[in-house]
Amino acid sequence: MKILPEDLAMKLLDASHEFPEGSGFDVSIEEVARIADIPRATLYYYFSGKDDLVEFYLNDLMDRTRAAIQKAAASEGTSADRLAQVMTAVIGSFAEYPKMCLELPSAIKSGQDHVALMANMDRSVMTPFREVLIEGKAAGELTLIDVEVAADAIMGALHMVSMKTLITEGAIDVEELAGAVVPQLVNGLLSR
């Protein structure tokens, strides 16, 4: 993917809100061109195909998520408190950007090469988890065997419960869901 001019990127991002209900990012380049009022040839100039375009959308959503997660990781309190804040920020991001929650697994599975997307997910989402877990383990506040596995397991749990909530209820009440899930996850890691 080539670097997009800001005005083109904004038109594409605005168009994503008009994708047919339930389609996620499963729309053709032709449909995106029509909705965004951008010539197809322009899209093909900047994107090698649909997978490249989906990666653009998902990377944008993860970039938007990064600030909330980093702020939560830098909050005051114990490692357990900060871990709870990071988890709540992830649930909040899934609530604000449900397409990211619902479409990320299939986009990664169907894509041919999403190394850059996975690197952005690691940088945006997973690194703050690992940093808080490492600090908590070093301080003796959290009991962990493997930080990497713990971070992946926590993210997997948050993703699964958020996805289930979106599918069954249509939206996420962040306070309610975080109140039910976060204490379960954090309490399981506390040193005893």
C-alpha atoms as a PDB file:
ATOM      1  CA  MET A   1       0.000   0.000   0.000  1.00  0.00           C
ATOM      2  CA  LYS A   2       1.264   3.429  -0.906  1.00  0.00           C
ATOM      3  CA  ILE A   3       0.972   6.395   1.439  1.00  0.00           C
ATOM      4  CA  LEU A   4      -2.413   8.018   0.935  1.00  0.00           C
ATOM      5  CA  PRO A   5      -3.004  11.759   0.728  1.00  0.00           C
ATOM      6  CA  GLU A   6      -4.906  12.904   3.827  1.00  0.00           C
ATOM      7  CA  ASP A   7      -8.044  13.892   1.904  1.00  0.00           C
ATOM      8  CA  LEU A   8      -8.274  10.462   0.260  1.00  0.00           C
ATOM      9  CA  ALA A   9      -7.741   8.699   3.571  1.00  0.00           C
ATOM     10  CA  MET A  10     -10.517  10.765   5.190  1.00  0.00           C
ATOM     11  CA  LYS A  11     -12.931  10.015   2.328  1.00  0.00           C
ATOM     12  CA  LEU A  12     -12.245   6.295   2.720  1.00  0.00           C
ATOM     13  CA  LEU A  13     -12.653   6.407   6.483  1.00  0.00           C
ATOM     14  CA  ASP A  14     -15.908   8.348   6.166  1.00  0.00           C
ATOM     15  CA  ALA A  15     -17.141   5.835   3.588  1.00  0.00           C
ATOM     16  CA  SER A  16     -16.604   2.924   5.974  1.00  0.00           C
ATOM     17  CA  HIS A  17     -19.507   4.204   8.083  1.00  0.00           C
ATOM     18  CA  GLU A  18     -21.778   3.752   5.076  1.00  0.00           C
ATOM     19  CA  PHE A  19     -20.899   0.138   4.292  1.00  0.00           C
ATOM     20  CA  PRO A  20     -24.004  -2.058   4.190  1.00  0.00           C
ATOM     21  CA  GLU A  21     -25.138  -3.163   7.654  1.00  0.00           C
ATOM     22  CA  GLY A  22     -23.570  -6.441   8.659  1.00  0.00           C
ATOM     23  CA  SER A  23     -20.979  -6.383   5.876  1.00  0.00           C
ATOM     24  CA  GLY A  24     -18.097  -5.322   8.078  1.00  0.00           C
ATOM     25  CA  PHE A  25     -15.296  -4.836   5.594  1.00  0.00           C
ATOM     26  CA  ASP A  26     -16.664  -7.446   3.188  1.00  0.00           C
ATOM     27  CA  VAL A  27     -17.295  -4.973   0.388  1.00  0.00           C
ATOM     28  CA  SER A  28     -15.756  -4.848  -3.034  1.00  0.00           C
ATOM     29  CA  ILE A  29     -13.326  -2.194  -4.182  1.00  0.00           C
ATOM     30  CA  GLU A  30     -16.028  -1.117  -6.637  1.00  0.00           C
ATOM     31  CA  GLU A  31     -18.500  -0.625  -3.785  1.00  0.00           C
ATOM     32  CA  VAL A  32     -15.950   1.347  -1.739  1.00  0.00           C
ATOM     33  CA  ALA A  33     -15.230   3.515  -4.795  1.00  0.00           C
ATOM     34  CA  ARG A  34     -18.952   4.176  -5.259  1.00  0.00           C
ATOM     35  CA  ILE A  35     -19.635   4.958  -1.582  1.00  0.00           C
ATOM     36  CA  ALA A  36     -16.529   7.143  -1.205  1.00  0.00           C
ATOM     37  CA  ASP A  37     -17.026   8.787  -4.614  1.00  0.00           C
ATOM     38  CA  ILE A  38     -13.462   7.929  -5.595  1.00  0.00           C
ATOM     39  CA  PRO A  39     -12.492   6.553  -9.003  1.00  0.00           C
ATOM     40  CA  ARG A  40     -11.749   2.813  -8.916  1.00  0.00           C
ATOM     41  CA  ALA A  41      -8.468   3.455 -10.668  1.00  0.00           C
ATOM     42  CA  THR A  42      -7.396   5.701  -7.795  1.00  0.00           C
ATOM     43  CA  LEU A  43      -8.078   2.928  -5.274  1.00  0.00           C
ATOM     44  CA  TYR A  44      -6.148   0.424  -7.371  1.00  0.00           C
ATOM     45  CA  TYR A  45      -3.266   2.897  -7.590  1.00  0.00           C
ATOM     46  CA  TYR A  46      -2.967   3.044  -3.783  1.00  0.00           C
ATOM     47  CA  PHE A  47      -4.119  -0.468  -2.867  1.00  0.00           C
ATOM     48  CA  SER A  48      -3.034  -3.774  -4.374  1.00  0.00           C
ATOM     49  CA  GLY A  49      -6.493  -5.204  -3.755  1.00  0.00           C
ATOM     50  CA  LYS A  50      -9.261  -5.700  -1.239  1.00  0.00           C
ATOM     51  CA  ASP A  51      -6.994  -7.241   1.437  1.00  0.00           C
ATOM     52  CA  ASP A  52      -4.781  -4.163   1.299  1.00  0.00           C
ATOM     53  CA  LEU A  53      -7.819  -1.899   1.701  1.00  0.00           C
ATOM     54  CA  VAL A  54      -9.140  -3.925   4.664  1.00  0.00           C
ATOM     55  CA  GLU A  55      -5.709  -3.659   6.271  1.00  0.00           C
ATOM     56  CA  PHE A  56      -5.880   0.134   5.860  1.00  0.00           C
ATOM     57  CA  TYR A  57      -9.211   0.244   7.704  1.00  0.00           C
ATOM     58  CA  LEU A  58      -8.092  -2.059  10.513  1.00  0.00           C
ATOM     59  CA  ASN A  59      -4.782  -0.240  10.993  1.00  0.00           C
ATOM     60  CA  ASP A  60      -6.662   3.035  11.305  1.00  0.00           C
ATOM     61  CA  LEU A  61      -8.914   1.572  14.011  1.00  0.00           C
ATOM     62  CA  MET A  62      -5.935   0.179  15.920  1.00  0.00           C
ATOM     63  CA  ASP A  63      -4.135   3.516  15.684  1.00  0.00           C
ATOM     64  CA  ARG A  64      -7.208   5.173  17.225  1.00  0.00           C
ATOM     65  CA  THR A  65      -7.200   2.564  19.997  1.00  0.00           C
ATOM     66  CA  ARG A  66      -3.549   3.054  20.885  1.00  0.00           C
ATOM     67  CA  ALA A  67      -3.964   6.377  22.718  1.00  0.00           C
ATOM     68  CA  ALA A  68      -6.672   5.063  25.061  1.00  0.00           C
ATOM     69  CA  ILE A  69      -4.692   1.946  25.903  1.00  0.00           C
ATOM     70  CA  GLN A  70      -1.441   3.825  26.451  1.00  0.00           C
ATOM     71  CA  LYS A  71      -3.213   6.325  28.710  1.00  0.00           C
ATOM     72  CA  ALA A  72      -4.685   3.469  30.759  1.00  0.00           C
ATOM     73  CA  ALA A  73      -1.288   1.757  31.042  1.00  0.00           C
ATOM     74  CA  ALA A  74       0.241   4.991  32.345  1.00  0.00           C
ATOM     75  CA  SER A  75      -2.503   5.605  34.924  1.00  0.00           C
ATOM     76  CA  GLU A  76      -1.855   5.780  38.664  1.00  0.00           C
ATOM     77  CA  GLY A  77      -2.150   2.807  40.962  1.00  0.00           C
ATOM     78  CA  THR A  78      -0.848  -0.699  41.385  1.00  0.00           C
ATOM     79  CA  SER A  79      -0.074  -2.958  38.461  1.00  0.00           C
ATOM     80  CA  ALA A  80      -3.411  -4.674  39.032  1.00  0.00           C
ATOM     81  CA  ASP A  81      -5.201  -1.298  38.924  1.00  0.00           C
ATOM     82  CA  ARG A  82      -3.423  -0.329  35.707  1.00  0.00           C
ATOM     83  CA  LEU A  83      -4.060  -3.748  34.169  1.00  0.00           C
ATOM     84  CA  ALA A  84      -7.770  -3.310  34.915  1.00  0.00           C
ATOM     85  CA  GLN A  85      -7.660   0.126  33.246  1.00  0.00           C
ATOM     86  CA  VAL A  86      -5.966  -1.335  30.147  1.00  0.00           C
ATOM     87  CA  MET A  87      -8.561  -4.114  29.926  1.00  0.00           C
ATOM     88  CA  THR A  88     -11.378  -1.595  30.261  1.00  0.00           C
ATOM     89  CA  ALA A  89      -9.781   0.548  27.530  1.00  0.00           C
ATOM     90  CA  VAL A  90      -9.708  -2.468  25.200  1.00  0.00           C
ATOM     91  CA  ILE A  91     -13.396  -3.183  25.850  1.00  0.00           C
ATOM     92  CA  GLY A  92     -14.089   0.528  25.287  1.00  0.00           C
ATOM     93  CA  SER A  93     -12.289   0.394  21.953  1.00  0.00           C
ATOM     94  CA  PHE A  94     -14.302  -2.630  20.870  1.00  0.00           C
ATOM     95  CA  ALA A  95     -17.469  -0.758  21.875  1.00  0.00           C
ATOM     96  CA  GLU A  96     -16.432   2.341  19.941  1.00  0.00           C
ATOM     97  CA  TYR A  97     -15.119   0.413  16.913  1.00  0.00           C
ATOM     98  CA  PRO A  98     -17.205  -2.757  16.695  1.00  0.00           C
ATOM     99  CA  LYS A  99     -15.963  -3.535  13.184  1.00  0.00           C
ATOM    100  CA  MET A 100     -12.465  -3.944  14.597  1.00  0.00           C
ATOM    101  CA  CYS A 101     -13.747  -6.475  17.111  1.00  0.00           C
ATOM    102  CA  LEU A 102     -15.884  -8.391  14.649  1.00  0.00           C
ATOM    103  CA  GLU A 103     -13.747  -8.247  11.524  1.00  0.00           C
ATOM    104  CA  LEU A 104     -10.153  -8.524  12.709  1.00  0.00           C
ATOM    105  CA  PRO A 105      -9.999 -12.349  12.930  1.00  0.00           C
ATOM    106  CA  SER A 106     -11.496 -12.950   9.491  1.00  0.00           C
ATOM    107  CA  ALA A 107      -9.413 -10.195   7.928  1.00  0.00           C
ATOM    108  CA  ILE A 108      -6.244 -11.756   9.263  1.00  0.00           C
ATOM    109  CA  LYS A 109      -7.339 -15.244   8.238  1.00  0.00           C
ATOM    110  CA  SER A 110      -8.383 -14.290   4.714  1.00  0.00           C
ATOM    111  CA  GLY A 111      -5.478 -11.961   4.040  1.00  0.00           C
ATOM    112  CA  GLN A 112      -2.395 -13.179   2.293  1.00  0.00           C
ATOM    113  CA  ASP A 113       0.213 -11.210   4.196  1.00  0.00           C
ATOM    114  CA  HIS A 114      -0.755  -9.132   7.185  1.00  0.00           C
ATOM    115  CA  VAL A 115       2.660  -8.742   8.783  1.00  0.00           C
ATOM    116  CA  ALA A 116       2.240  -4.965   9.053  1.00  0.00           C
ATOM    117  CA  LEU A 117      -1.259  -5.332  10.525  1.00  0.00           C
ATOM    118  CA  MET A 118      -0.022  -7.806  13.140  1.00  0.00           C
ATOM    119  CA  ALA A 119       2.938  -5.543  13.947  1.00  0.00           C
ATOM    120  CA  ASN A 120       0.560  -2.617  14.482  1.00  0.00           C
ATOM    121  CA  MET A 121      -1.683  -4.752  16.701  1.00  0.00           C
ATOM    122  CA  ASP A 122       1.356  -5.772  18.730  1.00  0.00           C
ATOM    123  CA  ARG A 123       2.547  -2.173  19.070  1.00  0.00           C
ATOM    124  CA  SER A 124      -0.874  -0.630  19.691  1.00  0.00           C
ATOM    125  CA  VAL A 125      -2.539  -3.187  21.904  1.00  0.00           C
ATOM    126  CA  MET A 126      -0.269  -5.960  23.128  1.00  0.00           C
ATOM    127  CA  THR A 127       2.807  -3.983  24.188  1.00  0.00           C
ATOM    128  CA  PRO A 128       0.942  -2.010  26.909  1.00  0.00           C
ATOM    129  CA  PHE A 129      -0.455  -5.292  28.274  1.00  0.00           C
ATOM    130  CA  ARG A 130       2.991  -6.856  28.421  1.00  0.00           C
ATOM    131  CA  GLU A 131       4.559  -3.797  30.042  1.00  0.00           C
ATOM    132  CA  VAL A 132       1.998  -3.727  32.861  1.00  0.00           C
ATOM    133  CA  LEU A 133       2.294  -7.490  33.345  1.00  0.00           C
ATOM    134  CA  ILE A 134       6.113  -7.322  33.462  1.00  0.00           C
ATOM    135  CA  GLU A 135       5.994  -4.514  36.031  1.00  0.00           C
ATOM    136  CA  GLY A 136       3.423  -6.390  38.120  1.00  0.00           C
ATOM    137  CA  LYS A 137       5.464  -9.577  38.061  1.00  0.00           C
ATOM    138  CA  ALA A 138       8.670  -7.703  38.982  1.00  0.00           C
ATOM    139  CA  ALA A 139       6.892  -5.990  41.897  1.00  0.00           C
ATOM    140  CA  GLY A 140       5.491  -9.315  43.091  1.00  0.00           C
ATOM    141  CA  GLU A 141       1.911  -8.079  42.593  1.00  0.00           C
ATOM    142  CA  LEU A 142       1.002 -10.472  39.777  1.00  0.00           C
ATOM    143  CA  THR A 143       1.707 -14.175  39.406  1.00  0.00           C
ATOM    144  CA  LEU A 144       2.666 -15.068  35.853  1.00  0.00           C
ATOM    145  CA  ILE A 145       4.396 -18.034  34.279  1.00  0.00           C
ATOM    146  CA  ASP A 146       4.805 -16.490  30.826  1.00  0.00           C
ATOM    147  CA  VAL A 147       4.074 -12.810  30.175  1.00  0.00           C
ATOM    148  CA  GLU A 148       3.532 -13.307  26.435  1.00  0.00           C
ATOM    149  CA  VAL A 149       1.031 -16.128  26.966  1.00  0.00           C
ATOM    150  CA  ALA A 150      -0.740 -14.169  29.723  1.00  0.00           C
ATOM    151  CA  ALA A 151      -1.077 -11.076  27.491  1.00  0.00           C
ATOM    152  CA  ASP A 152      -2.431 -13.167  24.600  1.00  0.00           C
ATOM    153  CA  ALA A 153      -4.857 -15.017  26.902  1.00  0.00           C
ATOM    154  CA  ILE A 154      -6.192 -11.780  28.396  1.00  0.00           C
ATOM    155  CA  MET A 155      -6.626 -10.210  24.973  1.00  0.00           C
ATOM    156  CA  GLY A 156      -8.304 -13.365  23.691  1.00  0.00           C
ATOM    157  CA  ALA A 157     -10.743 -13.358  26.607  1.00  0.00           C
ATOM    158  CA  LEU A 158     -11.560  -9.661  26.151  1.00  0.00           C
ATOM    159  CA  HIS A 159     -11.992 -10.097  22.418  1.00  0.00           C
ATOM    160  CA  MET A 160     -14.234 -13.156  22.772  1.00  0.00           C
ATOM    161  CA  VAL A 161     -16.539 -11.658  25.402  1.00  0.00           C
ATOM    162  CA  SER A 162     -16.740  -8.363  23.473  1.00  0.00           C
ATOM    163  CA  MET A 163     -17.490 -10.145  20.199  1.00  0.00           C
ATOM    164  CA  LYS A 164     -20.169 -12.296  21.857  1.00  0.00           C
ATOM    165  CA  THR A 165     -21.758  -9.191  23.397  1.00  0.00           C
ATOM    166  CA  LEU A 166     -21.774  -7.348  20.071  1.00  0.00           C
ATOM    167  CA  ILE A 167     -23.354 -10.314  18.302  1.00  0.00           C
ATOM    168  CA  THR A 168     -25.976 -11.089  20.941  1.00  0.00           C
ATOM    169  CA  GLU A 169     -26.795  -7.577  22.148  1.00  0.00           C
ATOM    170  CA  GLY A 170     -25.788  -5.365  19.222  1.00  0.00           C
ATOM    171  CA  ALA A 171     -23.645  -3.043  21.349  1.00  0.00           C
ATOM    172  CA  ILE A 172     -21.332  -3.059  24.355  1.00  0.00           C
ATOM    173  CA  ASP A 173     -22.099  -1.328  27.641  1.00  0.00           C
ATOM    174  CA  VAL A 174     -18.458  -0.785  28.626  1.00  0.00           C
ATOM    175  CA  GLU A 175     -19.076  -0.219  32.323  1.00  0.00           C
ATOM    176  CA  GLU A 176     -21.285  -3.290  32.637  1.00  0.00           C
ATOM    177  CA  LEU A 177     -19.060  -5.632  30.631  1.00  0.00           C
ATOM    178  CA  ALA A 178     -15.813  -4.421  32.216  1.00  0.00           C
ATOM    179  CA  GLY A 179     -17.412  -4.737  35.647  1.00  0.00           C
ATOM    180  CA  ALA A 180     -18.225  -8.372  34.964  1.00  0.00           C
ATOM    181  CA  VAL A 181     -15.056  -9.463  33.151  1.00  0.00           C
ATOM    182  CA  VAL A 182     -12.125  -7.391  34.384  1.00  0.00           C
ATOM    183  CA  PRO A 183     -12.254  -8.404  38.077  1.00  0.00           C
ATOM    184  CA  GLN A 184     -12.423 -12.080  37.053  1.00  0.00           C
ATOM    185  CA  LEU A 185      -9.297 -11.741  34.952  1.00  0.00           C
ATOM    186  CA  VAL A 186      -7.323  -9.510  37.316  1.00  0.00           C
ATOM    187  CA  ASN A 187      -8.148 -11.526  40.443  1.00  0.00           C
ATOM    188  CA  GLY A 188      -6.880 -14.659  38.762  1.00  0.00           C
ATOM    189  CA  LEU A 189      -3.442 -13.033  38.407  1.00  0.00           C
ATOM    190  CA  LEU A 190      -3.043 -11.525  41.872  1.00  0.00           C
ATOM    191  CA  SER A 191      -0.290 -12.918  44.045  1.00  0.00           C
ATOM    192  CA  ARG A 192      -1.597 -14.759  47.049  1.00  0.00           C
END
